[in-house]
């Protein structure tokens, strides 16, 4: 007899600082591993499967994303399930919402837009408590030049230079809808520097470590290690310039995912 399946979308957020990314790996703690462990307990061993809208690297945090939960044989009591799940999840992972969907929905294909933020400050050394959320650059930065340069990422480009360890089959084409550097008024804490900033990038899909490579190039420009003309050459992948400055992961936050 064919087993009946049930489909759910869970909106999720987590602080990634202590995790080795989303995907399960042997011998290290990951968000997916912790979520699976919690679901196995909450569902009392009932068979299930989880698929995410995207993966994050070690120490990268998520303000809002989605996962798809596949259940077998028995439907969930949604009103009771969400608080019970949160009660058993670790404090740095929270489920925000759950809703039922159907077999036609695919979490990968229906992830329409992703908005990433990369937070940073510069100058005086910041409070250590801020380390999970932003990068502290001790040198002064030419912020105005970085803001001008960020706009060059917008549009359709060959992002060869901003793809970490590409394979022979990697497609370097990408489309960024919006890219800008703004003063941080999004995440706040009394131990944050008086002024901090963030790179805001919106697009449908991104290459491996693309945002961190983009941020690395912007930081090099802001410290006048490169000039604007050289920076612009990076954005044309036909130049096949290989970049090595990958900004630290802890400043990167997947701010939100929009679904179709």
C-alpha atoms as a PDB file:
ATOM      1  CA  UNK A   1       0.000   0.000   0.000  1.00  0.00           C
ATOM      2  CA  UNK A   2       1.284   3.433  -0.957  1.00  0.00           C
ATOM      3  CA  UNK A   3       2.064   5.571   2.097  1.00  0.00           C
ATOM      4  CA  UNK A   4       0.261   8.900   2.398  1.00  0.00           C
ATOM      5  CA  UNK A   5       2.524  11.959   2.454  1.00  0.00           C
ATOM      6  CA  UNK A   6       1.996  15.380   4.017  1.00  0.00           C
ATOM      7  CA  UNK A   7       3.883  18.556   3.077  1.00  0.00           C
ATOM      8  CA  UNK A   8       4.682  21.604   5.204  1.00  0.00           C
ATOM      9  CA  UNK A   9       6.633  24.858   4.880  1.00  0.00           C
ATOM     10  CA  UNK A  10       8.419  26.095   8.013  1.00  0.00           C
ATOM     11  CA  UNK A  11       9.779  29.628   8.286  1.00  0.00           C
ATOM     12  CA  UNK A  12      13.052  29.473  10.236  1.00  0.00           C
ATOM     13  CA  UNK A  13      15.800  31.694  11.664  1.00  0.00           C
ATOM     14  CA  UNK A  14      19.088  30.926  13.395  1.00  0.00           C
ATOM     15  CA  UNK A  15      22.344  32.339  14.670  1.00  0.00           C
ATOM     16  CA  UNK A  16      25.070  30.516  12.773  1.00  0.00           C
ATOM     17  CA  UNK A  17      28.108  31.444  14.896  1.00  0.00           C
ATOM     18  CA  UNK A  18      28.522  28.025  16.571  1.00  0.00           C
ATOM     19  CA  UNK A  19      27.478  25.903  13.594  1.00  0.00           C
ATOM     20  CA  UNK A  20      29.485  24.447  10.708  1.00  0.00           C
ATOM     21  CA  UNK A  21      26.881  25.610   8.229  1.00  0.00           C
ATOM     22  CA  UNK A  22      23.480  24.186   7.325  1.00  0.00           C
ATOM     23  CA  UNK A  23      24.260  20.817   5.731  1.00  0.00           C
ATOM     24  CA  UNK A  24      24.819  17.707   7.825  1.00  0.00           C
ATOM     25  CA  UNK A  25      28.459  16.658   8.078  1.00  0.00           C
ATOM     26  CA  UNK A  26      30.157  13.927  10.131  1.00  0.00           C
ATOM     27  CA  UNK A  27      31.738  14.858  13.467  1.00  0.00           C
ATOM     28  CA  UNK A  28      30.643  18.529  13.487  1.00  0.00           C
ATOM     29  CA  UNK A  29      27.496  20.326  14.608  1.00  0.00           C
ATOM     30  CA  UNK A  30      25.362  21.823  11.839  1.00  0.00           C
ATOM     31  CA  UNK A  31      21.932  23.461  11.764  1.00  0.00           C
ATOM     32  CA  UNK A  32      20.415  20.636   9.718  1.00  0.00           C
ATOM     33  CA  UNK A  33      21.808  18.020  12.101  1.00  0.00           C
ATOM     34  CA  UNK A  34      20.398  19.853  15.131  1.00  0.00           C
ATOM     35  CA  UNK A  35      17.024  20.355  13.459  1.00  0.00           C
ATOM     36  CA  UNK A  36      16.811  16.687  12.450  1.00  0.00           C
ATOM     37  CA  UNK A  37      17.702  15.615  15.980  1.00  0.00           C
ATOM     38  CA  UNK A  38      14.983  17.852  17.423  1.00  0.00           C
ATOM     39  CA  UNK A  39      12.350  16.754  14.904  1.00  0.00           C
ATOM     40  CA  UNK A  40      13.126  13.113  15.569  1.00  0.00           C
ATOM     41  CA  UNK A  41      12.425  13.721  19.265  1.00  0.00           C
ATOM     42  CA  UNK A  42       9.337  15.893  18.755  1.00  0.00           C
ATOM     43  CA  UNK A  43       7.825  13.504  16.184  1.00  0.00           C
ATOM     44  CA  UNK A  44       8.679  10.494  18.370  1.00  0.00           C
ATOM     45  CA  UNK A  45      10.544   8.659  15.637  1.00  0.00           C
ATOM     46  CA  UNK A  46       7.915   9.177  12.926  1.00  0.00           C
ATOM     47  CA  UNK A  47       9.451   9.171   9.441  1.00  0.00           C
ATOM     48  CA  UNK A  48      10.161  12.607   7.965  1.00  0.00           C
ATOM     49  CA  UNK A  49      12.471  14.431   5.562  1.00  0.00           C
ATOM     50  CA  UNK A  50      13.662  18.061   5.492  1.00  0.00           C
ATOM     51  CA  UNK A  51      14.756  20.171   2.507  1.00  0.00           C
ATOM     52  CA  UNK A  52      16.019  23.771   2.764  1.00  0.00           C
ATOM     53  CA  UNK A  53      15.555  26.730   0.408  1.00  0.00           C
ATOM     54  CA  UNK A  54      19.354  27.046   0.409  1.00  0.00           C
ATOM     55  CA  UNK A  55      22.487  26.169   2.348  1.00  0.00           C
ATOM     56  CA  UNK A  56      24.618  28.458   4.474  1.00  0.00           C
ATOM     57  CA  UNK A  57      28.326  28.213   5.264  1.00  0.00           C
ATOM     58  CA  UNK A  58      29.863  27.899   8.720  1.00  0.00           C
ATOM     59  CA  UNK A  59      29.077  30.868  11.022  1.00  0.00           C
ATOM     60  CA  UNK A  60      26.602  32.435   8.576  1.00  0.00           C
ATOM     61  CA  UNK A  61      23.332  33.431  10.250  1.00  0.00           C
ATOM     62  CA  UNK A  62      19.780  33.564   8.894  1.00  0.00           C
ATOM     63  CA  UNK A  63      17.120  36.071   9.830  1.00  0.00           C
ATOM     64  CA  UNK A  64      14.405  34.382   7.776  1.00  0.00           C
ATOM     65  CA  UNK A  65      14.414  31.394   5.437  1.00  0.00           C
ATOM     66  CA  UNK A  66      12.195  28.415   4.668  1.00  0.00           C
ATOM     67  CA  UNK A  67      12.455  24.652   4.898  1.00  0.00           C
ATOM     68  CA  UNK A  68      10.081  22.030   3.547  1.00  0.00           C
ATOM     69  CA  UNK A  69       9.050  19.208   5.882  1.00  0.00           C
ATOM     70  CA  UNK A  70       7.820  15.929   4.361  1.00  0.00           C
ATOM     71  CA  UNK A  71       5.781  13.688   6.656  1.00  0.00           C
ATOM     72  CA  UNK A  72       4.538  10.143   6.155  1.00  0.00           C
ATOM     73  CA  UNK A  73       1.282   8.464   7.242  1.00  0.00           C
ATOM     74  CA  UNK A  74       0.133  11.034   9.817  1.00  0.00           C
ATOM     75  CA  UNK A  75      -0.632  14.757   9.528  1.00  0.00           C
ATOM     76  CA  UNK A  76       0.598  17.327  12.057  1.00  0.00           C
ATOM     77  CA  UNK A  77      -1.497  19.288  14.510  1.00  0.00           C
ATOM     78  CA  UNK A  78      -0.066  22.637  13.392  1.00  0.00           C
ATOM     79  CA  UNK A  79      -1.314  24.652  16.360  1.00  0.00           C
ATOM     80  CA  UNK A  80       0.387  22.339  18.860  1.00  0.00           C
ATOM     81  CA  UNK A  81       3.439  21.461  16.771  1.00  0.00           C
ATOM     82  CA  UNK A  82       5.098  24.883  16.405  1.00  0.00           C
ATOM     83  CA  UNK A  83       5.379  25.767  20.120  1.00  0.00           C
ATOM     84  CA  UNK A  84       6.485  22.220  20.946  1.00  0.00           C
ATOM     85  CA  UNK A  85       9.172  22.361  18.255  1.00  0.00           C
ATOM     86  CA  UNK A  86      10.481  25.691  19.577  1.00  0.00           C
ATOM     87  CA  UNK A  87      10.452  24.379  23.132  1.00  0.00           C
ATOM     88  CA  UNK A  88      12.913  21.658  22.114  1.00  0.00           C
ATOM     89  CA  UNK A  89      15.068  23.517  19.591  1.00  0.00           C
ATOM     90  CA  UNK A  90      18.303  25.080  20.904  1.00  0.00           C
ATOM     91  CA  UNK A  91      18.074  28.766  21.785  1.00  0.00           C
ATOM     92  CA  UNK A  92      19.928  29.848  18.637  1.00  0.00           C
ATOM     93  CA  UNK A  93      17.336  28.271  16.290  1.00  0.00           C
ATOM     94  CA  UNK A  94      13.685  29.391  16.113  1.00  0.00           C
ATOM     95  CA  UNK A  95      10.737  28.296  13.973  1.00  0.00           C
ATOM     96  CA  UNK A  96       8.620  31.331  13.120  1.00  0.00           C
ATOM     97  CA  UNK A  97       5.699  29.833  11.241  1.00  0.00           C
ATOM     98  CA  UNK A  98       4.371  26.607   9.721  1.00  0.00           C
ATOM     99  CA  UNK A  99       1.824  26.069   6.972  1.00  0.00           C
ATOM    100  CA  UNK A 100       0.619  23.130   4.939  1.00  0.00           C
ATOM    101  CA  UNK A 101       1.456  22.821   1.231  1.00  0.00           C
ATOM    102  CA  UNK A 102       1.167  20.063  -1.385  1.00  0.00           C
ATOM    103  CA  UNK A 103       3.259  17.815  -3.618  1.00  0.00           C
ATOM    104  CA  UNK A 104       3.408  20.466  -6.371  1.00  0.00           C
ATOM    105  CA  UNK A 105       5.489  22.783  -4.180  1.00  0.00           C
ATOM    106  CA  UNK A 106       9.294  22.552  -4.435  1.00  0.00           C
ATOM    107  CA  UNK A 107      11.290  24.608  -1.923  1.00  0.00           C
ATOM    108  CA  UNK A 108      14.283  24.969  -4.264  1.00  0.00           C
ATOM    109  CA  UNK A 109      12.350  26.011  -7.363  1.00  0.00           C
ATOM    110  CA  UNK A 110       9.991  28.339  -5.475  1.00  0.00           C
ATOM    111  CA  UNK A 111      12.723  30.388  -3.764  1.00  0.00           C
ATOM    112  CA  UNK A 112      12.176  33.555  -5.805  1.00  0.00           C
ATOM    113  CA  UNK A 113      14.517  36.146  -4.287  1.00  0.00           C
ATOM    114  CA  UNK A 114      17.191  36.136  -1.604  1.00  0.00           C
ATOM    115  CA  UNK A 115      18.350  39.203   0.293  1.00  0.00           C
ATOM    116  CA  UNK A 116      21.761  39.046   1.980  1.00  0.00           C
ATOM    117  CA  UNK A 117      23.301  41.554   4.394  1.00  0.00           C
ATOM    118  CA  UNK A 118      26.977  41.768   5.257  1.00  0.00           C
ATOM    119  CA  UNK A 119      27.546  43.870   8.405  1.00  0.00           C
ATOM    120  CA  UNK A 120      30.780  45.673   9.169  1.00  0.00           C
ATOM    121  CA  UNK A 121      32.301  48.559  11.103  1.00  0.00           C
ATOM    122  CA  UNK A 122      35.697  50.217  10.921  1.00  0.00           C
ATOM    123  CA  UNK A 123      38.096  52.258  12.974  1.00  0.00           C
ATOM    124  CA  UNK A 124      38.086  51.607  16.712  1.00  0.00           C
ATOM    125  CA  UNK A 125      38.040  47.964  17.845  1.00  0.00           C
ATOM    126  CA  UNK A 126      34.489  46.850  18.558  1.00  0.00           C
ATOM    127  CA  UNK A 127      33.092  45.089  21.624  1.00  0.00           C
ATOM    128  CA  UNK A 128      33.803  41.321  21.450  1.00  0.00           C
ATOM    129  CA  UNK A 129      30.088  40.570  21.908  1.00  0.00           C
ATOM    130  CA  UNK A 130      29.471  41.997  18.413  1.00  0.00           C
ATOM    131  CA  UNK A 131      31.755  39.410  16.758  1.00  0.00           C
ATOM    132  CA  UNK A 132      28.972  36.959  15.760  1.00  0.00           C
ATOM    133  CA  UNK A 133      27.206  39.704  13.800  1.00  0.00           C
ATOM    134  CA  UNK A 134      29.735  41.896  12.013  1.00  0.00           C
ATOM    135  CA  UNK A 135      33.270  42.323  10.753  1.00  0.00           C
ATOM    136  CA  UNK A 136      35.519  44.861  12.478  1.00  0.00           C
ATOM    137  CA  UNK A 137      38.048  46.493  10.118  1.00  0.00           C
ATOM    138  CA  UNK A 138      40.668  48.333  12.145  1.00  0.00           C
ATOM    139  CA  UNK A 139      41.819  50.553   9.260  1.00  0.00           C
ATOM    140  CA  UNK A 140      39.763  53.466   7.983  1.00  0.00           C
ATOM    141  CA  UNK A 141      37.658  52.767   4.903  1.00  0.00           C
ATOM    142  CA  UNK A 142      36.766  55.006   1.982  1.00  0.00           C
ATOM    143  CA  UNK A 143      33.068  54.325   2.463  1.00  0.00           C
ATOM    144  CA  UNK A 144      31.927  56.691  -0.272  1.00  0.00           C
ATOM    145  CA  UNK A 145      34.093  54.895  -2.848  1.00  0.00           C
ATOM    146  CA  UNK A 146      32.769  51.519  -1.676  1.00  0.00           C
ATOM    147  CA  UNK A 147      29.190  52.785  -2.060  1.00  0.00           C
ATOM    148  CA  UNK A 148      29.897  53.876  -5.630  1.00  0.00           C
ATOM    149  CA  UNK A 149      31.522  50.546  -6.457  1.00  0.00           C
ATOM    150  CA  UNK A 150      28.709  48.418  -4.980  1.00  0.00           C
ATOM    151  CA  UNK A 151      26.286  49.669  -7.642  1.00  0.00           C
ATOM    152  CA  UNK A 152      28.496  48.146 -10.369  1.00  0.00           C
ATOM    153  CA  UNK A 153      27.414  44.682  -9.209  1.00  0.00           C
ATOM    154  CA  UNK A 154      23.821  45.353 -10.274  1.00  0.00           C
ATOM    155  CA  UNK A 155      22.532  43.736 -13.462  1.00  0.00           C
ATOM    156  CA  UNK A 156      23.565  40.629 -15.388  1.00  0.00           C
ATOM    157  CA  UNK A 157      27.238  39.654 -15.200  1.00  0.00           C
ATOM    158  CA  UNK A 158      29.677  36.802 -15.588  1.00  0.00           C
ATOM    159  CA  UNK A 159      30.614  36.324 -11.902  1.00  0.00           C
ATOM    160  CA  UNK A 160      33.660  34.132 -12.504  1.00  0.00           C
ATOM    161  CA  UNK A 161      35.817  36.245 -10.171  1.00  0.00           C
ATOM    162  CA  UNK A 162      33.211  35.976  -7.414  1.00  0.00           C
ATOM    163  CA  UNK A 163      32.795  32.189  -7.460  1.00  0.00           C
ATOM    164  CA  UNK A 164      34.749  30.161  -4.907  1.00  0.00           C
ATOM    165  CA  UNK A 165      36.401  26.998  -6.271  1.00  0.00           C
ATOM    166  CA  UNK A 166      34.299  26.630  -9.426  1.00  0.00           C
ATOM    167  CA  UNK A 167      33.960  23.270 -11.159  1.00  0.00           C
ATOM    168  CA  UNK A 168      34.145  22.673 -14.928  1.00  0.00           C
ATOM    169  CA  UNK A 169      30.331  22.721 -15.065  1.00  0.00           C
ATOM    170  CA  UNK A 170      29.797  25.894 -12.985  1.00  0.00           C
ATOM    171  CA  UNK A 171      27.548  28.482 -14.628  1.00  0.00           C
ATOM    172  CA  UNK A 172      29.017  31.913 -13.831  1.00  0.00           C
ATOM    173  CA  UNK A 173      26.101  33.984 -15.153  1.00  0.00           C
ATOM    174  CA  UNK A 174      24.081  35.811 -12.519  1.00  0.00           C
ATOM    175  CA  UNK A 175      21.663  38.683 -12.069  1.00  0.00           C
ATOM    176  CA  UNK A 176      21.784  41.038  -9.090  1.00  0.00           C
ATOM    177  CA  UNK A 177      18.704  43.229  -8.756  1.00  0.00           C
ATOM    178  CA  UNK A 178      20.062  45.566  -6.109  1.00  0.00           C
ATOM    179  CA  UNK A 179      23.407  46.143  -4.381  1.00  0.00           C
ATOM    180  CA  UNK A 180      24.178  48.999  -2.001  1.00  0.00           C
ATOM    181  CA  UNK A 181      26.041  49.895   1.181  1.00  0.00           C
ATOM    182  CA  UNK A 182      23.904  51.493   3.886  1.00  0.00           C
ATOM    183  CA  UNK A 183      24.258  52.640   7.470  1.00  0.00           C
ATOM    184  CA  UNK A 184      23.059  49.871   9.774  1.00  0.00           C
ATOM    185  CA  UNK A 185      19.602  50.501  11.212  1.00  0.00           C
ATOM    186  CA  UNK A 186      18.494  46.866  10.907  1.00  0.00           C
ATOM    187  CA  UNK A 187      20.162  44.973  13.756  1.00  0.00           C
ATOM    188  CA  UNK A 188      20.958  46.856  16.949  1.00  0.00           C
ATOM    189  CA  UNK A 189      22.493  46.137  20.351  1.00  0.00           C
ATOM    190  CA  UNK A 190      23.907  48.325  23.101  1.00  0.00           C
ATOM    191  CA  UNK A 191      27.344  46.743  22.570  1.00  0.00           C
ATOM    192  CA  UNK A 192      27.426  47.560  18.843  1.00  0.00           C
ATOM    193  CA  UNK A 193      29.667  50.419  17.666  1.00  0.00           C
ATOM    194  CA  UNK A 194      28.061  53.832  17.454  1.00  0.00           C
ATOM    195  CA  UNK A 195      28.077  53.470  13.667  1.00  0.00           C
ATOM    196  CA  UNK A 196      28.074  50.308  11.586  1.00  0.00           C
ATOM    197  CA  UNK A 197      27.192  49.540   7.987  1.00  0.00           C
ATOM    198  CA  UNK A 198      25.993  46.738   5.767  1.00  0.00           C
ATOM    199  CA  UNK A 199      26.206  45.564   2.188  1.00  0.00           C
ATOM    200  CA  UNK A 200      22.669  44.775   0.999  1.00  0.00           C
ATOM    201  CA  UNK A 201      22.419  42.424  -1.997  1.00  0.00           C
ATOM    202  CA  UNK A 202      19.212  41.129  -3.600  1.00  0.00           C
ATOM    203  CA  UNK A 203      19.105  38.465  -6.306  1.00  0.00           C
ATOM    204  CA  UNK A 204      17.564  35.139  -7.245  1.00  0.00           C
ATOM    205  CA  UNK A 205      20.629  32.965  -6.806  1.00  0.00           C
ATOM    206  CA  UNK A 206      24.259  33.319  -5.816  1.00  0.00           C
ATOM    207  CA  UNK A 207      27.451  31.369  -6.387  1.00  0.00           C
ATOM    208  CA  UNK A 208      29.356  29.692  -3.583  1.00  0.00           C
ATOM    209  CA  UNK A 209      30.729  32.381  -1.223  1.00  0.00           C
ATOM    210  CA  UNK A 210      29.825  35.050  -3.784  1.00  0.00           C
ATOM    211  CA  UNK A 211      28.708  37.681  -1.270  1.00  0.00           C
ATOM    212  CA  UNK A 212      31.857  37.216   0.827  1.00  0.00           C
ATOM    213  CA  UNK A 213      34.074  37.568  -2.262  1.00  0.00           C
ATOM    214  CA  UNK A 214      32.149  40.695  -3.258  1.00  0.00           C
ATOM    215  CA  UNK A 215      32.658  42.096   0.223  1.00  0.00           C
ATOM    216  CA  UNK A 216      36.359  41.208   0.128  1.00  0.00           C
ATOM    217  CA  UNK A 217      36.801  43.163  -3.117  1.00  0.00           C
ATOM    218  CA  UNK A 218      34.900  46.145  -1.682  1.00  0.00           C
ATOM    219  CA  UNK A 219      37.077  46.128   1.434  1.00  0.00           C
ATOM    220  CA  UNK A 220      40.239  46.059  -0.696  1.00  0.00           C
ATOM    221  CA  UNK A 221      38.877  49.051  -2.580  1.00  0.00           C
ATOM    222  CA  UNK A 222      37.900  50.849   0.622  1.00  0.00           C
ATOM    223  CA  UNK A 223      41.452  50.435   1.935  1.00  0.00           C
ATOM    224  CA  UNK A 224      42.854  51.659  -1.418  1.00  0.00           C
ATOM    225  CA  UNK A 225      44.613  48.350  -2.047  1.00  0.00           C
ATOM    226  CA  UNK A 226      43.042  48.464  -5.515  1.00  0.00           C
ATOM    227  CA  UNK A 227      41.571  51.293  -7.599  1.00  0.00           C
ATOM    228  CA  UNK A 228      38.035  51.550  -8.965  1.00  0.00           C
ATOM    229  CA  UNK A 229      39.181  50.706 -12.516  1.00  0.00           C
ATOM    230  CA  UNK A 230      40.720  47.440 -11.292  1.00  0.00           C
ATOM    231  CA  UNK A 231      37.585  46.661  -9.271  1.00  0.00           C
ATOM    232  CA  UNK A 232      35.385  47.111 -12.357  1.00  0.00           C
ATOM    233  CA  UNK A 233      37.553  44.591 -14.240  1.00  0.00           C
ATOM    234  CA  UNK A 234      36.681  41.966 -11.609  1.00  0.00           C
ATOM    235  CA  UNK A 235      32.988  42.215 -12.504  1.00  0.00           C
ATOM    236  CA  UNK A 236      33.601  41.190 -16.119  1.00  0.00           C
ATOM    237  CA  UNK A 237      34.243  37.475 -15.780  1.00  0.00           C
ATOM    238  CA  UNK A 238      35.784  37.350 -19.252  1.00  0.00           C
ATOM    239  CA  UNK A 239      38.923  38.798 -17.649  1.00  0.00           C
ATOM    240  CA  UNK A 240      39.210  35.558 -15.632  1.00  0.00           C
ATOM    241  CA  UNK A 241      40.691  37.297 -12.588  1.00  0.00           C
ATOM    242  CA  UNK A 242      40.831  34.915  -9.619  1.00  0.00           C
ATOM    243  CA  UNK A 243      40.100  36.623  -6.289  1.00  0.00           C
ATOM    244  CA  UNK A 244      41.319  35.251  -2.956  1.00  0.00           C
ATOM    245  CA  UNK A 245      40.008  37.747  -0.378  1.00  0.00           C
ATOM    246  CA  UNK A 246      36.960  36.011   1.104  1.00  0.00           C
ATOM    247  CA  UNK A 247      35.453  38.183   3.861  1.00  0.00           C
ATOM    248  CA  UNK A 248      34.854  36.317   7.170  1.00  0.00           C
ATOM    249  CA  UNK A 249      31.584  34.407   7.379  1.00  0.00           C
ATOM    250  CA  UNK A 250      30.354  35.816  10.684  1.00  0.00           C
ATOM    251  CA  UNK A 251      29.386  39.176   9.150  1.00  0.00           C
ATOM    252  CA  UNK A 252      27.036  37.549   6.643  1.00  0.00           C
ATOM    253  CA  UNK A 253      23.314  37.162   7.294  1.00  0.00           C
ATOM    254  CA  UNK A 254      20.692  35.777   4.954  1.00  0.00           C
ATOM    255  CA  UNK A 255      18.145  38.461   5.744  1.00  0.00           C
ATOM    256  CA  UNK A 256      15.155  36.940   3.982  1.00  0.00           C
ATOM    257  CA  UNK A 257      13.950  34.561   1.290  1.00  0.00           C
ATOM    258  CA  UNK A 258      10.867  35.311  -0.796  1.00  0.00           C
ATOM    259  CA  UNK A 259       8.845  32.397  -2.162  1.00  0.00           C
ATOM    260  CA  UNK A 260       6.688  32.350  -5.279  1.00  0.00           C
END
